[in-house]
Amino acid sequence: MPEYERERSRIRVDYLTDVEIKLSDNTIVSGMVHDISLNAIYILTDPVFQINDQVKIKIILRGRDSELNIKVPAKVVRTDKNGVALQFYNPLEWWPIFALFPMHNLGKELDISALHLDKKNRPPQVSQKENQAES
């Protein structure tokens, strides 16, 4: 493996959890985090985004009896048939959570091998207008 790939894999964590992406018109698009780093995130979702779109994301971490929501602004840097790559405007302050609390410690036992990237098995796509009073 080339050095740059080793460097990228060292700072990127594979992580499966729900996420909501809020577009500039307040439409909410749901997806599933695939991996996350200090500066970026890749989300499995329908590629309805344009490069440089500014979005707000809400990463939803669910425990057995609690939920933690991390909200962060980002911009679209890449799209493909399986999802979208977003770059955070600033380094993610909550980054240690993803390294210190693996998915299975947050109350979910996930069978990652069962996750398929085809449309048939992706998380449901829900688009809706968010109440203007909420942000």
N, C-alpha and C. Protein backbone atom coordinates (compact mmCIF):
# COMPACT_ATOMS: atom_id res chain seq x y z
N MET A 1 0.84 -1.17 0.00
CA MET A 1 0.00 0.00 0.00
C MET A 1 0.90 1.24 0.00
N PRO A 2 0.64 2.19 -0.92
CA PRO A 2 1.44 3.42 -0.94
C PRO A 2 1.28 4.21 0.37
N GLU A 3 2.29 5.03 0.68
CA GLU A 3 2.30 5.80 1.93
C GLU A 3 1.06 6.69 2.08
N TYR A 4 0.64 7.38 1.01
CA TYR A 4 -0.51 8.28 1.12
C TYR A 4 -1.79 7.51 1.45
N GLU A 5 -1.94 6.27 0.94
CA GLU A 5 -3.11 5.46 1.27
C GLU A 5 -3.03 4.99 2.72
N ARG A 6 -1.85 4.65 3.18
CA ARG A 6 -1.67 4.25 4.57
C ARG A 6 -2.02 5.40 5.50
N GLU A 7 -1.58 6.61 5.14
CA GLU A 7 -1.88 7.81 5.93
C GLU A 7 -3.38 8.06 5.99
N ARG A 8 -4.07 7.98 4.85
CA ARG A 8 -5.52 8.19 4.82
C ARG A 8 -6.26 7.15 5.64
N SER A 9 -5.87 5.88 5.53
CA SER A 9 -6.58 4.83 6.26
C SER A 9 -6.34 4.94 7.76
N ARG A 10 -5.21 5.51 8.16
CA ARG A 10 -4.91 5.65 9.58
C ARG A 10 -5.82 6.69 10.24
N ILE A 11 -6.20 7.71 9.50
CA ILE A 11 -7.01 8.77 10.10
C ILE A 11 -8.50 8.63 9.79
N ARG A 12 -8.88 7.66 8.98
CA ARG A 12 -10.27 7.43 8.63
C ARG A 12 -10.79 6.23 9.41
N VAL A 13 -12.00 6.35 9.95
CA VAL A 13 -12.60 5.27 10.72
C VAL A 13 -13.86 4.80 10.00
N ASP A 14 -13.95 3.50 9.73
CA ASP A 14 -15.20 2.94 9.21
C ASP A 14 -16.23 3.00 10.32
N TYR A 15 -17.39 3.53 10.01
CA TYR A 15 -18.38 3.74 11.06
C TYR A 15 -19.76 3.75 10.43
N LEU A 16 -20.67 2.94 10.90
CA LEU A 16 -22.02 2.90 10.37
C LEU A 16 -22.98 3.48 11.39
N THR A 17 -23.60 4.58 11.05
CA THR A 17 -24.62 5.17 11.90
C THR A 17 -25.48 6.08 11.04
N ASP A 18 -26.66 6.39 11.52
CA ASP A 18 -27.58 7.25 10.77
C ASP A 18 -27.07 8.68 10.70
N VAL A 19 -27.46 9.34 9.61
CA VAL A 19 -27.10 10.74 9.43
C VAL A 19 -28.22 11.43 8.66
N GLU A 20 -28.43 12.69 8.96
CA GLU A 20 -29.36 13.53 8.20
C GLU A 20 -28.56 14.67 7.59
N ILE A 21 -28.85 14.96 6.32
CA ILE A 21 -28.18 16.03 5.61
C ILE A 21 -29.22 17.09 5.29
N LYS A 22 -29.00 18.30 5.80
CA LYS A 22 -29.93 19.40 5.58
C LYS A 22 -29.40 20.28 4.45
N LEU A 23 -30.17 20.39 3.38
CA LEU A 23 -29.78 21.20 2.24
C LEU A 23 -30.12 22.66 2.48
N SER A 24 -29.66 23.54 1.61
CA SER A 24 -29.88 24.98 1.79
C SER A 24 -31.35 25.36 1.75
N ASP A 25 -32.21 24.54 1.10
CA ASP A 25 -33.65 24.83 1.06
C ASP A 25 -34.39 24.16 2.21
N ASN A 26 -33.65 23.66 3.21
CA ASN A 26 -34.17 22.99 4.41
C ASN A 26 -34.72 21.59 4.16
N THR A 27 -34.50 21.03 2.97
CA THR A 27 -34.85 19.64 2.71
C THR A 27 -33.88 18.76 3.50
N ILE A 28 -34.41 17.70 4.09
CA ILE A 28 -33.61 16.75 4.85
C ILE A 28 -33.47 15.46 4.04
N VAL A 29 -32.25 15.01 3.86
CA VAL A 29 -31.97 13.76 3.16
C VAL A 29 -31.30 12.82 4.16
N SER A 30 -31.82 11.61 4.28
CA SER A 30 -31.23 10.67 5.24
C SER A 30 -30.21 9.78 4.55
N GLY A 31 -29.32 9.23 5.36
CA GLY A 31 -28.30 8.34 4.84
C GLY A 31 -27.64 7.58 5.97
N MET A 32 -26.53 6.94 5.63
CA MET A 32 -25.78 6.15 6.59
C MET A 32 -24.30 6.51 6.46
N VAL A 33 -23.69 6.87 7.58
CA VAL A 33 -22.25 7.14 7.57
C VAL A 33 -21.53 5.85 7.17
N HIS A 34 -20.59 5.97 6.27
CA HIS A 34 -19.75 4.84 5.87
C HIS A 34 -18.39 4.93 6.54
N ASP A 35 -17.78 6.12 6.46
CA ASP A 35 -16.53 6.36 7.17
C ASP A 35 -16.40 7.85 7.47
N ILE A 36 -15.54 8.13 8.44
CA ILE A 36 -15.41 9.51 8.92
C ILE A 36 -13.95 9.75 9.32
N SER A 37 -13.52 10.99 9.11
CA SER A 37 -12.18 11.39 9.54
C SER A 37 -12.28 12.74 10.24
N LEU A 38 -11.18 13.27 10.62
CA LEU A 38 -11.14 14.56 11.29
C LEU A 38 -11.68 15.68 10.40
N ASN A 39 -11.51 15.54 9.08
CA ASN A 39 -11.86 16.61 8.15
C ASN A 39 -12.97 16.28 7.17
N ALA A 40 -13.43 15.03 7.12
CA ALA A 40 -14.40 14.66 6.09
C ALA A 40 -15.23 13.46 6.51
N ILE A 41 -16.29 13.23 5.74
CA ILE A 41 -17.19 12.11 6.00
C ILE A 41 -17.71 11.61 4.65
N TYR A 42 -17.90 10.29 4.54
CA TYR A 42 -18.53 9.71 3.35
C TYR A 42 -19.84 9.10 3.81
N ILE A 43 -20.93 9.46 3.10
CA ILE A 43 -22.28 9.05 3.49
C ILE A 43 -22.91 8.26 2.36
N LEU A 44 -23.45 7.09 2.70
CA LEU A 44 -24.21 6.29 1.74
C LEU A 44 -25.60 6.91 1.62
N THR A 45 -25.92 7.40 0.45
CA THR A 45 -27.21 8.05 0.20
C THR A 45 -27.37 8.22 -1.30
N ASP A 46 -28.55 8.61 -1.73
CA ASP A 46 -28.74 8.91 -3.15
C ASP A 46 -27.94 10.15 -3.48
N PRO A 47 -27.23 10.14 -4.59
CA PRO A 47 -26.37 11.28 -4.96
C PRO A 47 -27.19 12.43 -5.57
N VAL A 48 -27.88 13.17 -4.73
CA VAL A 48 -28.73 14.29 -5.19
C VAL A 48 -28.03 15.63 -4.99
N PHE A 49 -26.72 15.61 -4.82
CA PHE A 49 -25.97 16.80 -4.46
C PHE A 49 -25.10 17.28 -5.61
N GLN A 50 -24.72 18.54 -5.53
CA GLN A 50 -23.80 19.14 -6.49
C GLN A 50 -22.50 19.47 -5.76
N ILE A 51 -21.39 19.40 -6.47
CA ILE A 51 -20.11 19.78 -5.89
C ILE A 51 -20.21 21.21 -5.36
N ASN A 52 -19.66 21.44 -4.18
CA ASN A 52 -19.65 22.72 -3.46
C ASN A 52 -20.97 23.10 -2.80
N ASP A 53 -22.00 22.23 -2.85
CA ASP A 53 -23.22 22.49 -2.08
C ASP A 53 -22.84 22.63 -0.62
N GLN A 54 -23.41 23.61 0.05
CA GLN A 54 -23.20 23.78 1.48
C GLN A 54 -24.35 23.10 2.21
N VAL A 55 -24.03 22.24 3.16
CA VAL A 55 -25.03 21.47 3.89
C VAL A 55 -24.73 21.51 5.38
N LYS A 56 -25.71 21.09 6.15
CA LYS A 56 -25.53 20.87 7.59
C LYS A 56 -25.87 19.42 7.83
N ILE A 57 -24.98 18.72 8.51
CA ILE A 57 -25.25 17.31 8.77
C ILE A 57 -25.47 17.08 10.25
N LYS A 58 -26.28 16.08 10.52
CA LYS A 58 -26.52 15.64 11.90
C LYS A 58 -26.18 14.16 11.95
N ILE A 59 -25.10 13.84 12.65
CA ILE A 59 -24.68 12.46 12.85
C ILE A 59 -25.38 11.97 14.11
N ILE A 60 -26.09 10.86 13.99
CA ILE A 60 -26.91 10.37 15.10
C ILE A 60 -26.29 9.10 15.67
N LEU A 61 -25.81 9.20 16.90
CA LEU A 61 -25.21 8.06 17.59
C LEU A 61 -26.21 7.57 18.63
N ARG A 62 -26.65 6.34 18.48
CA ARG A 62 -27.66 5.79 19.39
C ARG A 62 -27.03 4.76 20.32
N GLY A 63 -27.29 4.93 21.59
CA GLY A 63 -26.89 3.95 22.59
C GLY A 63 -28.09 3.11 22.96
N ARG A 64 -27.93 2.29 23.98
CA ARG A 64 -29.06 1.46 24.43
C ARG A 64 -30.18 2.33 24.98
N ASP A 65 -29.83 3.36 25.75
CA ASP A 65 -30.85 4.18 26.40
C ASP A 65 -30.68 5.67 26.13
N SER A 66 -29.87 6.03 25.16
CA SER A 66 -29.63 7.45 24.92
C SER A 66 -29.27 7.68 23.45
N GLU A 67 -29.18 8.96 23.11
CA GLU A 67 -28.83 9.34 21.75
C GLU A 67 -27.97 10.59 21.80
N LEU A 68 -26.94 10.63 20.96
CA LEU A 68 -26.08 11.79 20.85
C LEU A 68 -26.12 12.27 19.41
N ASN A 69 -26.45 13.55 19.21
CA ASN A 69 -26.49 14.14 17.87
C ASN A 69 -25.33 15.12 17.73
N ILE A 70 -24.55 14.95 16.66
CA ILE A 70 -23.45 15.86 16.37
C ILE A 70 -23.81 16.61 15.10
N LYS A 71 -23.95 17.93 15.22
CA LYS A 71 -24.31 18.76 14.08
C LYS A 71 -23.08 19.53 13.62
N VAL A 72 -22.85 19.51 12.30
CA VAL A 72 -21.65 20.14 11.77
C VAL A 72 -21.90 20.61 10.33
N PRO A 73 -21.46 21.82 9.99
CA PRO A 73 -21.58 22.29 8.60
C PRO A 73 -20.48 21.67 7.73
N ALA A 74 -20.81 21.48 6.46
CA ALA A 74 -19.86 20.86 5.54
C ALA A 74 -20.19 21.27 4.10
N LYS A 75 -19.29 20.90 3.19
CA LYS A 75 -19.58 21.13 1.77
C LYS A 75 -19.31 19.85 0.99
N VAL A 76 -20.03 19.69 -0.11
CA VAL A 76 -19.90 18.52 -0.96
C VAL A 76 -18.61 18.62 -1.77
N VAL A 77 -17.78 17.59 -1.68
CA VAL A 77 -16.53 17.57 -2.45
C VAL A 77 -16.50 16.46 -3.50
N ARG A 78 -17.38 15.46 -3.35
CA ARG A 78 -17.42 14.37 -4.33
C ARG A 78 -18.74 13.64 -4.23
N THR A 79 -19.27 13.20 -5.37
CA THR A 79 -20.44 12.34 -5.39
C THR A 79 -20.13 11.13 -6.26
N ASP A 80 -20.78 10.03 -5.97
CA ASP A 80 -20.69 8.84 -6.82
C ASP A 80 -22.01 8.10 -6.71
N LYS A 81 -22.09 6.94 -7.34
CA LYS A 81 -23.38 6.23 -7.39
C LYS A 81 -23.86 5.73 -6.03
N ASN A 82 -22.96 5.64 -5.05
CA ASN A 82 -23.34 5.14 -3.73
C ASN A 82 -23.55 6.21 -2.68
N GLY A 83 -23.07 7.43 -2.94
CA GLY A 83 -23.22 8.44 -1.91
C GLY A 83 -22.48 9.72 -2.19
N VAL A 84 -22.10 10.37 -1.08
CA VAL A 84 -21.51 11.70 -1.17
C VAL A 84 -20.38 11.85 -0.15
N ALA A 85 -19.31 12.53 -0.56
CA ALA A 85 -18.21 12.87 0.35
C ALA A 85 -18.34 14.34 0.71
N LEU A 86 -18.29 14.62 2.00
CA LEU A 86 -18.42 15.98 2.50
C LEU A 86 -17.15 16.35 3.26
N GLN A 87 -16.73 17.59 3.10
CA GLN A 87 -15.59 18.11 3.84
C GLN A 87 -16.10 19.07 4.90
N PHE A 88 -15.64 18.90 6.14
CA PHE A 88 -16.01 19.82 7.21
C PHE A 88 -15.27 21.13 7.00
N TYR A 89 -15.89 22.24 7.41
CA TYR A 89 -15.23 23.54 7.29
C TYR A 89 -14.09 23.69 8.30
N ASN A 90 -14.23 23.03 9.42
CA ASN A 90 -13.20 23.02 10.46
C ASN A 90 -13.01 21.58 10.91
N PRO A 91 -11.86 21.25 11.48
CA PRO A 91 -11.68 19.88 11.98
C PRO A 91 -12.80 19.52 12.97
N LEU A 92 -13.26 18.29 12.89
CA LEU A 92 -14.36 17.81 13.72
C LEU A 92 -13.91 17.69 15.17
N GLU A 93 -14.47 18.54 16.02
CA GLU A 93 -14.08 18.56 17.44
C GLU A 93 -14.45 17.27 18.16
N TRP A 94 -15.48 16.60 17.68
CA TRP A 94 -15.96 15.39 18.32
C TRP A 94 -15.30 14.13 17.78
N TRP A 95 -14.24 14.29 16.99
CA TRP A 95 -13.54 13.17 16.37
C TRP A 95 -13.20 12.03 17.33
N PRO A 96 -12.71 12.29 18.55
CA PRO A 96 -12.33 11.18 19.43
C PRO A 96 -13.46 10.20 19.73
N ILE A 97 -14.71 10.65 19.67
CA ILE A 97 -15.83 9.74 19.94
C ILE A 97 -15.80 8.55 18.99
N PHE A 98 -15.50 8.80 17.74
CA PHE A 98 -15.54 7.73 16.74
C PHE A 98 -14.39 6.73 16.91
N ALA A 99 -13.27 7.20 17.41
CA ALA A 99 -12.14 6.31 17.64
C ALA A 99 -12.29 5.57 18.98
N LEU A 100 -12.85 6.24 19.99
CA LEU A 100 -12.94 5.65 21.32
C LEU A 100 -14.16 4.75 21.53
N PHE A 101 -15.23 5.00 20.78
CA PHE A 101 -16.47 4.24 20.96
C PHE A 101 -16.85 3.57 19.65
N PRO A 102 -16.31 2.39 19.41
CA PRO A 102 -16.68 1.66 18.19
C PRO A 102 -18.19 1.43 18.14
N MET A 103 -18.68 1.17 16.96
CA MET A 103 -20.13 1.01 16.76
C MET A 103 -20.77 0.05 17.74
N HIS A 104 -20.16 -1.09 17.97
CA HIS A 104 -20.78 -2.10 18.82
C HIS A 104 -20.87 -1.66 20.28
N ASN A 105 -20.11 -0.66 20.69
CA ASN A 105 -20.19 -0.17 22.06
C ASN A 105 -21.28 0.87 22.24
N LEU A 106 -21.95 1.25 21.17
CA LEU A 106 -23.01 2.25 21.27
C LEU A 106 -24.39 1.60 21.29
N GLY A 107 -24.46 0.34 21.70
CA GLY A 107 -25.76 -0.29 21.84
C GLY A 107 -26.23 -1.01 20.59
N LYS A 108 -25.42 -1.05 19.56
CA LYS A 108 -25.81 -1.71 18.33
C LYS A 108 -24.80 -2.81 18.02
N GLU A 109 -25.28 -3.97 17.74
CA GLU A 109 -24.42 -5.03 17.19
C GLU A 109 -24.71 -5.02 15.70
N LEU A 110 -23.77 -4.57 14.90
CA LEU A 110 -23.97 -4.44 13.47
C LEU A 110 -23.25 -5.54 12.72
N ASP A 111 -23.93 -6.12 11.76
CA ASP A 111 -23.31 -7.08 10.86
C ASP A 111 -22.93 -6.33 9.61
N ILE A 112 -21.71 -5.80 9.57
CA ILE A 112 -21.26 -4.99 8.45
C ILE A 112 -21.25 -5.79 7.16
N SER A 113 -21.03 -7.09 7.23
CA SER A 113 -21.01 -7.90 6.02
C SER A 113 -22.38 -7.94 5.35
N ALA A 114 -23.44 -7.64 6.09
CA ALA A 114 -24.79 -7.66 5.52
C ALA A 114 -25.11 -6.37 4.77
N LEU A 115 -24.28 -5.36 4.90
CA LEU A 115 -24.53 -4.09 4.24
C LEU A 115 -24.12 -4.18 2.78
N HIS A 116 -25.04 -3.93 1.90
CA HIS A 116 -24.77 -3.93 0.47
C HIS A 116 -24.94 -2.52 -0.05
N LEU A 117 -24.17 -2.16 -1.04
CA LEU A 117 -24.21 -0.80 -1.55
C LEU A 117 -25.18 -0.62 -2.71
N ASP A 118 -25.97 -1.64 -3.01
CA ASP A 118 -26.93 -1.44 -4.09
C ASP A 118 -28.17 -0.75 -3.54
N LYS A 119 -28.97 -0.14 -4.43
CA LYS A 119 -30.14 0.64 -4.01
C LYS A 119 -31.14 -0.21 -3.24
N LYS A 120 -31.24 -1.47 -3.55
CA LYS A 120 -32.22 -2.34 -2.91
C LYS A 120 -31.99 -2.46 -1.41
N ASN A 121 -30.74 -2.43 -0.97
CA ASN A 121 -30.42 -2.67 0.44
C ASN A 121 -29.91 -1.44 1.18
N ARG A 122 -29.99 -0.27 0.56
CA ARG A 122 -29.54 0.95 1.22
C ARG A 122 -30.55 1.43 2.23
N PRO A 123 -30.13 2.30 3.16
CA PRO A 123 -31.08 2.84 4.11
C PRO A 123 -32.17 3.61 3.37
N PRO A 124 -33.38 3.66 3.91
CA PRO A 124 -34.46 4.37 3.23
C PRO A 124 -34.12 5.85 3.07
N GLN A 125 -34.52 6.39 1.95
CA GLN A 125 -34.26 7.78 1.63
C GLN A 125 -35.51 8.59 1.97
N VAL A 126 -35.39 9.51 2.88
CA VAL A 126 -36.54 10.32 3.28
C VAL A 126 -36.16 11.77 3.08
N SER A 127 -36.94 12.46 2.25
CA SER A 127 -36.73 13.88 2.05
C SER A 127 -37.94 14.61 2.58
N GLN A 128 -37.71 15.64 3.33
CA GLN A 128 -38.81 16.41 3.89
C GLN A 128 -38.34 17.82 4.14
N LYS A 129 -39.27 18.73 4.29
CA LYS A 129 -38.94 20.10 4.67
C LYS A 129 -38.93 20.17 6.19
N GLU A 130 -37.87 20.71 6.72
CA GLU A 130 -37.74 20.83 8.17
C GLU A 130 -38.46 22.09 8.63
N ASN A 131 -39.03 22.03 9.80
CA ASN A 131 -39.69 23.18 10.39
C ASN A 131 -38.70 24.33 10.48
N GLN A 132 -39.07 25.50 10.02
CA GLN A 132 -38.18 26.65 9.98
C GLN A 132 -37.70 27.06 11.37
N ALA A 133 -38.46 26.78 12.40
CA ALA A 133 -38.07 27.18 13.76
C ALA A 133 -36.91 26.36 14.26
N GLU A 134 -36.70 25.15 13.71
CA GLU A 134 -35.61 24.28 14.14
C GLU A 134 -34.37 24.55 13.33
N SER A 135 -33.17 24.40 13.90
CA SER A 135 -31.95 24.54 13.11
C SER A 135 -30.91 23.59 13.54
